[in-house]
């Protein structure tokens, strides 16, 4: 690999998501049209999940691994000056089409969330819903998020829960998460599923805290999401509602960059 070539997992994930992108166009259209943000595989409403800051007006925000950029659209409609970056040209093609259809323009960049070609300290908020949070190396993208944020800036990311990761079978055909531990918690990091061409990254809670603190963050909140009664999901291969109401299938980390906020 030459110095200008992205890491192997970045190249693999780009190819993987370019292949998957057509499958996510319909959900992108639905989420761009949503009146209220909804989060994760259970589409938990923002009014119940409380991921976002109360006031986004005038804040500079970046979505790391934006996909079809529906989260960026939600932020922009709430007054944020938002930028999205994603590793997949095909996903960004859908995002740009939806920008035109909804008449909502903001910068969209092709790139790797582990190495963003933007200046230091340009943002007040960095956010990721199953973007960089799952598909980028946490030792690299957390440090990059810190570089991009101003002192006092906030990082919010949603990913699979630790307990889900320990209990979901290796193969999608083997069914959703169950009540038995299937893999060790110690040593979690790079994950390559037998039936997937992508590369994921998962950490135990103690390791997330270490990585965040090393990146200059203080953890402010860990939300273990519980879907409301009657929730449905298209990801039935991952978790059932009964399981997810007993144990979290998704978790949200919130952290603040150390230092005084912008005056």
Protein backbone atom coordinates (compact mmCIF):
# COMPACT_ATOMS: atom_id res chain seq x y z
CA UNK A 1 0.00 0.00 0.00
CA UNK A 2 1.41 3.40 -0.91
CA UNK A 3 1.22 6.38 1.42
CA UNK A 4 -1.77 7.88 -0.40
CA UNK A 5 -3.85 4.70 -0.48
CA UNK A 6 -6.46 4.19 2.25
CA UNK A 7 -6.13 1.22 4.62
CA UNK A 8 -7.31 -2.21 3.49
CA UNK A 9 -10.48 -2.16 5.62
CA UNK A 10 -11.45 1.25 4.20
CA UNK A 11 -11.07 -0.02 0.64
CA UNK A 12 -13.03 -3.19 1.41
CA UNK A 13 -15.85 -1.26 3.08
CA UNK A 14 -16.09 1.14 0.15
CA UNK A 15 -16.58 -1.74 -2.27
CA UNK A 16 -19.01 -3.44 0.11
CA UNK A 17 -21.18 -0.34 0.58
CA UNK A 18 -21.15 0.54 -3.10
CA UNK A 19 -22.72 -2.90 -3.61
CA UNK A 20 -25.25 -2.42 -0.79
CA UNK A 21 -26.21 1.16 -1.67
CA UNK A 22 -29.21 0.34 -3.91
CA UNK A 23 -30.78 -1.59 -1.02
CA UNK A 24 -30.65 1.51 1.19
CA UNK A 25 -32.10 4.01 -1.28
CA UNK A 26 -35.71 3.36 -0.20
CA UNK A 27 -34.94 3.67 3.51
CA UNK A 28 -33.00 6.85 2.74
CA UNK A 29 -36.03 8.29 0.97
CA UNK A 30 -38.24 7.37 3.93
CA UNK A 31 -35.90 8.89 6.50
CA UNK A 32 -35.37 12.11 4.54
CA UNK A 33 -39.17 12.52 4.52
CA UNK A 34 -39.62 11.77 8.24
CA UNK A 35 -41.11 14.59 10.33
CA UNK A 36 -39.10 13.52 13.39
CA UNK A 37 -35.71 11.82 13.63
CA UNK A 38 -35.89 8.10 14.40
CA UNK A 39 -32.91 6.07 15.50
CA UNK A 40 -31.47 2.62 14.99
CA UNK A 41 -32.99 -0.60 13.76
CA UNK A 42 -36.12 -0.03 15.89
CA UNK A 43 -36.63 3.53 14.62
CA UNK A 44 -37.01 4.94 18.11
CA UNK A 45 -38.32 8.54 17.90
CA UNK A 46 -36.06 11.38 18.99
CA UNK A 47 -38.76 12.41 21.48
CA UNK A 48 -38.13 9.10 23.29
CA UNK A 49 -34.42 8.56 22.59
CA UNK A 50 -33.09 12.10 23.24
CA UNK A 51 -29.92 11.77 21.18
CA UNK A 52 -29.67 15.33 19.89
CA UNK A 53 -28.84 18.55 21.74
CA UNK A 54 -31.87 20.71 22.46
CA UNK A 55 -30.56 23.62 20.38
CA UNK A 56 -28.76 23.06 17.08
CA UNK A 57 -29.35 26.47 15.52
CA UNK A 58 -26.11 28.01 14.30
CA UNK A 59 -23.96 25.05 15.35
CA UNK A 60 -21.40 23.53 13.00
CA UNK A 61 -21.94 19.76 12.71
CA UNK A 62 -20.30 16.89 10.85
CA UNK A 63 -21.77 13.44 10.21
CA UNK A 64 -19.02 10.82 10.04
CA UNK A 65 -20.13 8.07 7.67
CA UNK A 66 -23.31 9.80 6.52
CA UNK A 67 -24.55 7.22 4.00
CA UNK A 68 -27.67 8.69 2.39
CA UNK A 69 -27.27 11.71 4.74
CA UNK A 70 -30.68 11.59 6.40
CA UNK A 71 -29.13 12.40 9.80
CA UNK A 72 -27.41 15.39 8.23
CA UNK A 73 -30.77 16.46 6.80
CA UNK A 74 -32.38 16.26 10.24
CA UNK A 75 -29.61 18.43 11.68
CA UNK A 76 -29.82 20.96 8.85
CA UNK A 77 -33.57 21.35 9.33
CA UNK A 78 -32.90 22.17 12.97
CA UNK A 79 -30.61 25.02 12.02
CA UNK A 80 -27.18 23.35 12.06
CA UNK A 81 -24.53 24.11 9.45
CA UNK A 82 -23.83 20.50 8.56
CA UNK A 83 -21.25 18.60 6.51
CA UNK A 84 -21.50 14.93 5.64
CA UNK A 85 -18.64 12.61 4.74
CA UNK A 86 -18.95 9.02 3.53
CA UNK A 87 -16.67 6.34 2.14
CA UNK A 88 -19.12 5.13 -0.55
CA UNK A 89 -19.60 7.04 -3.82
CA UNK A 90 -22.83 5.12 -4.44
CA UNK A 91 -24.30 6.13 -1.08
CA UNK A 92 -23.39 9.75 -1.74
CA UNK A 93 -25.05 9.56 -5.14
CA UNK A 94 -28.33 8.72 -3.37
CA UNK A 95 -27.70 11.48 -0.81
CA UNK A 96 -27.20 14.11 -3.53
CA UNK A 97 -30.35 13.01 -5.33
CA UNK A 98 -32.34 13.36 -2.10
CA UNK A 99 -30.84 16.80 -1.51
CA UNK A 100 -32.18 17.90 -4.88
CA UNK A 101 -35.59 16.33 -4.30
CA UNK A 102 -35.97 18.00 -0.90
CA UNK A 103 -34.33 21.29 -1.80
CA UNK A 104 -31.87 21.02 1.07
CA UNK A 105 -28.23 21.66 0.25
CA UNK A 106 -25.20 21.10 2.47
CA UNK A 107 -21.66 19.88 1.72
CA UNK A 108 -21.22 16.16 1.06
CA UNK A 109 -17.70 14.76 0.83
CA UNK A 110 -16.29 11.47 -0.37
CA UNK A 111 -13.74 10.31 2.14
CA UNK A 112 -12.65 8.23 5.07
CA UNK A 113 -13.82 9.29 8.54
CA UNK A 114 -10.44 8.22 9.90
CA UNK A 115 -8.73 10.98 7.88
CA UNK A 116 -11.04 13.90 7.08
CA UNK A 117 -9.57 16.61 4.81
CA UNK A 118 -10.87 19.52 6.89
CA UNK A 119 -9.15 21.92 9.34
CA UNK A 120 -8.86 21.42 13.08
CA UNK A 121 -11.53 22.64 15.47
CA UNK A 122 -14.15 23.46 12.86
CA UNK A 123 -17.20 21.83 14.46
CA UNK A 124 -19.35 21.90 17.58
CA UNK A 125 -20.94 18.47 17.02
CA UNK A 126 -19.81 15.20 15.44
CA UNK A 127 -22.37 12.44 14.99
CA UNK A 128 -22.52 8.91 13.62
CA UNK A 129 -25.38 6.43 13.39
CA UNK A 130 -23.86 3.13 12.27
CA UNK A 131 -21.39 5.05 10.11
CA UNK A 132 -17.88 5.54 11.40
CA UNK A 133 -19.18 4.14 14.70
CA UNK A 134 -19.30 0.66 13.16
CA UNK A 135 -17.24 0.70 9.97
CA UNK A 136 -14.13 2.70 10.96
CA UNK A 137 -11.23 1.88 13.26
CA UNK A 138 -12.15 3.45 16.64
CA UNK A 139 -8.51 4.17 17.47
CA UNK A 140 -8.39 6.37 14.37
CA UNK A 141 -11.84 7.87 13.92
CA UNK A 142 -12.32 8.88 17.57
CA UNK A 143 -9.02 10.78 17.47
CA UNK A 144 -10.10 12.36 14.18
CA UNK A 145 -13.46 13.41 15.64
CA UNK A 146 -11.60 15.05 18.50
CA UNK A 147 -9.35 16.93 16.07
CA UNK A 148 -12.37 18.21 14.15
CA UNK A 149 -14.24 19.38 17.26
CA UNK A 150 -13.75 22.64 19.11
CA UNK A 151 -13.06 22.46 22.87
CA UNK A 152 -16.37 21.65 24.55
CA UNK A 153 -17.70 20.09 21.34
CA UNK A 154 -19.92 17.02 21.53
CA UNK A 155 -19.56 13.57 19.99
CA UNK A 156 -22.64 11.34 19.64
CA UNK A 157 -22.58 7.88 18.08
CA UNK A 158 -24.94 4.89 17.85
CA UNK A 159 -23.80 1.33 17.28
CA UNK A 160 -24.58 -2.29 18.16
CA UNK A 161 -24.69 -2.98 21.88
CA UNK A 162 -22.00 -5.00 23.61
CA UNK A 163 -24.51 -7.64 24.74
CA UNK A 164 -25.91 -8.02 21.24
CA UNK A 165 -22.41 -8.52 19.89
CA UNK A 166 -21.74 -11.29 22.41
CA UNK A 167 -24.94 -13.20 21.67
CA UNK A 168 -25.65 -12.90 17.93
CA UNK A 169 -24.77 -15.97 15.82
CA UNK A 170 -21.98 -15.88 13.28
CA UNK A 171 -24.26 -16.48 10.29
CA UNK A 172 -27.39 -14.47 9.49
CA UNK A 173 -29.22 -17.72 8.67
CA UNK A 174 -28.67 -18.95 12.23
CA UNK A 175 -31.10 -16.34 13.54
CA UNK A 176 -31.03 -13.25 15.78
CA UNK A 177 -29.33 -12.63 19.11
CA UNK A 178 -30.20 -15.18 21.79
CA UNK A 179 -29.70 -15.90 25.47
CA UNK A 180 -26.31 -17.59 25.22
CA UNK A 181 -22.85 -16.05 25.06
CA UNK A 182 -21.28 -17.02 21.73
CA UNK A 183 -17.95 -15.17 21.74
CA UNK A 184 -15.54 -13.68 24.25
CA UNK A 185 -15.77 -10.07 25.36
CA UNK A 186 -12.03 -9.72 25.77
CA UNK A 187 -10.17 -9.06 22.55
CA UNK A 188 -13.09 -7.60 20.60
CA UNK A 189 -11.96 -5.23 17.86
CA UNK A 190 -11.96 -5.97 14.13
CA UNK A 191 -14.86 -8.22 13.10
CA UNK A 192 -15.32 -10.00 9.78
CA UNK A 193 -18.55 -12.02 9.60
CA UNK A 194 -18.51 -15.23 7.57
CA UNK A 195 -21.36 -14.05 5.33
CA UNK A 196 -20.25 -10.43 4.83
CA UNK A 197 -17.55 -8.76 2.74
CA UNK A 198 -17.32 -5.75 5.08
CA UNK A 199 -15.10 -5.08 8.07
CA UNK A 200 -16.73 -3.93 11.33
CA UNK A 201 -15.23 -2.73 14.60
CA UNK A 202 -16.62 -3.48 18.05
CA UNK A 203 -15.27 -2.65 21.51
CA UNK A 204 -16.24 -3.56 25.05
CA UNK A 205 -17.40 -0.69 27.24
CA UNK A 206 -14.13 -0.36 29.13
CA UNK A 207 -12.21 -0.12 25.87
CA UNK A 208 -14.60 2.50 24.47
CA UNK A 209 -13.97 4.61 27.58
CA UNK A 210 -10.21 4.21 27.19
CA UNK A 211 -10.31 5.19 23.50
CA UNK A 212 -12.55 8.18 24.18
CA UNK A 213 -10.38 9.42 27.04
CA UNK A 214 -7.23 8.96 24.96
CA UNK A 215 -8.92 11.09 22.29
CA UNK A 216 -9.48 13.93 24.72
CA UNK A 217 -13.12 13.18 25.56
CA UNK A 218 -15.09 12.87 28.75
CA UNK A 219 -18.00 10.44 28.54
CA UNK A 220 -21.22 12.25 29.46
CA UNK A 221 -23.82 9.54 28.83
CA UNK A 222 -24.30 5.95 27.68
CA UNK A 223 -27.83 5.22 26.44
CA UNK A 224 -28.83 1.57 26.13
CA UNK A 225 -31.83 1.79 23.82
CA UNK A 226 -35.06 -0.07 24.57
CA UNK A 227 -37.66 -0.07 21.79
CA UNK A 228 -41.23 0.85 22.80
CA UNK A 229 -44.06 -1.69 22.74
CA UNK A 230 -45.27 -2.37 19.23
CA UNK A 231 -41.95 -1.49 17.59
CA UNK A 232 -41.06 -3.30 14.37
CA UNK A 233 -37.84 -3.68 12.43
CA UNK A 234 -36.74 -4.89 9.03
CA UNK A 235 -33.63 -6.32 10.72
CA UNK A 236 -35.33 -9.43 12.10
CA UNK A 237 -32.12 -11.36 11.53
CA UNK A 238 -30.43 -9.23 14.21
CA UNK A 239 -32.82 -9.12 17.16
CA UNK A 240 -36.44 -9.69 18.13
CA UNK A 241 -38.57 -7.14 19.95
CA UNK A 242 -38.90 -9.47 22.94
CA UNK A 243 -35.11 -9.77 23.18
CA UNK A 244 -34.51 -6.05 22.68
CA UNK A 245 -36.97 -5.11 25.42
CA UNK A 246 -35.03 -7.29 27.87
CA UNK A 247 -31.50 -6.46 26.72
CA UNK A 248 -30.23 -3.55 24.61
CA UNK A 249 -29.55 -4.32 20.97
CA UNK A 250 -28.14 -0.82 20.39
CA UNK A 251 -26.27 1.75 22.44
CA UNK A 252 -25.51 5.44 22.13
CA UNK A 253 -22.37 7.08 23.45
CA UNK A 254 -22.18 10.78 24.21
CA UNK A 255 -18.90 12.49 25.00
CA UNK A 256 -17.59 16.03 25.28
CA UNK A 257 -14.18 17.21 24.15
CA UNK A 258 -12.18 18.48 27.09
CA UNK A 259 -11.54 22.19 27.24
CA UNK A 260 -13.60 25.34 27.58
CA UNK A 261 -16.47 25.70 25.11
CA UNK A 262 -16.38 28.41 22.49
CA UNK A 263 -17.34 31.77 24.00
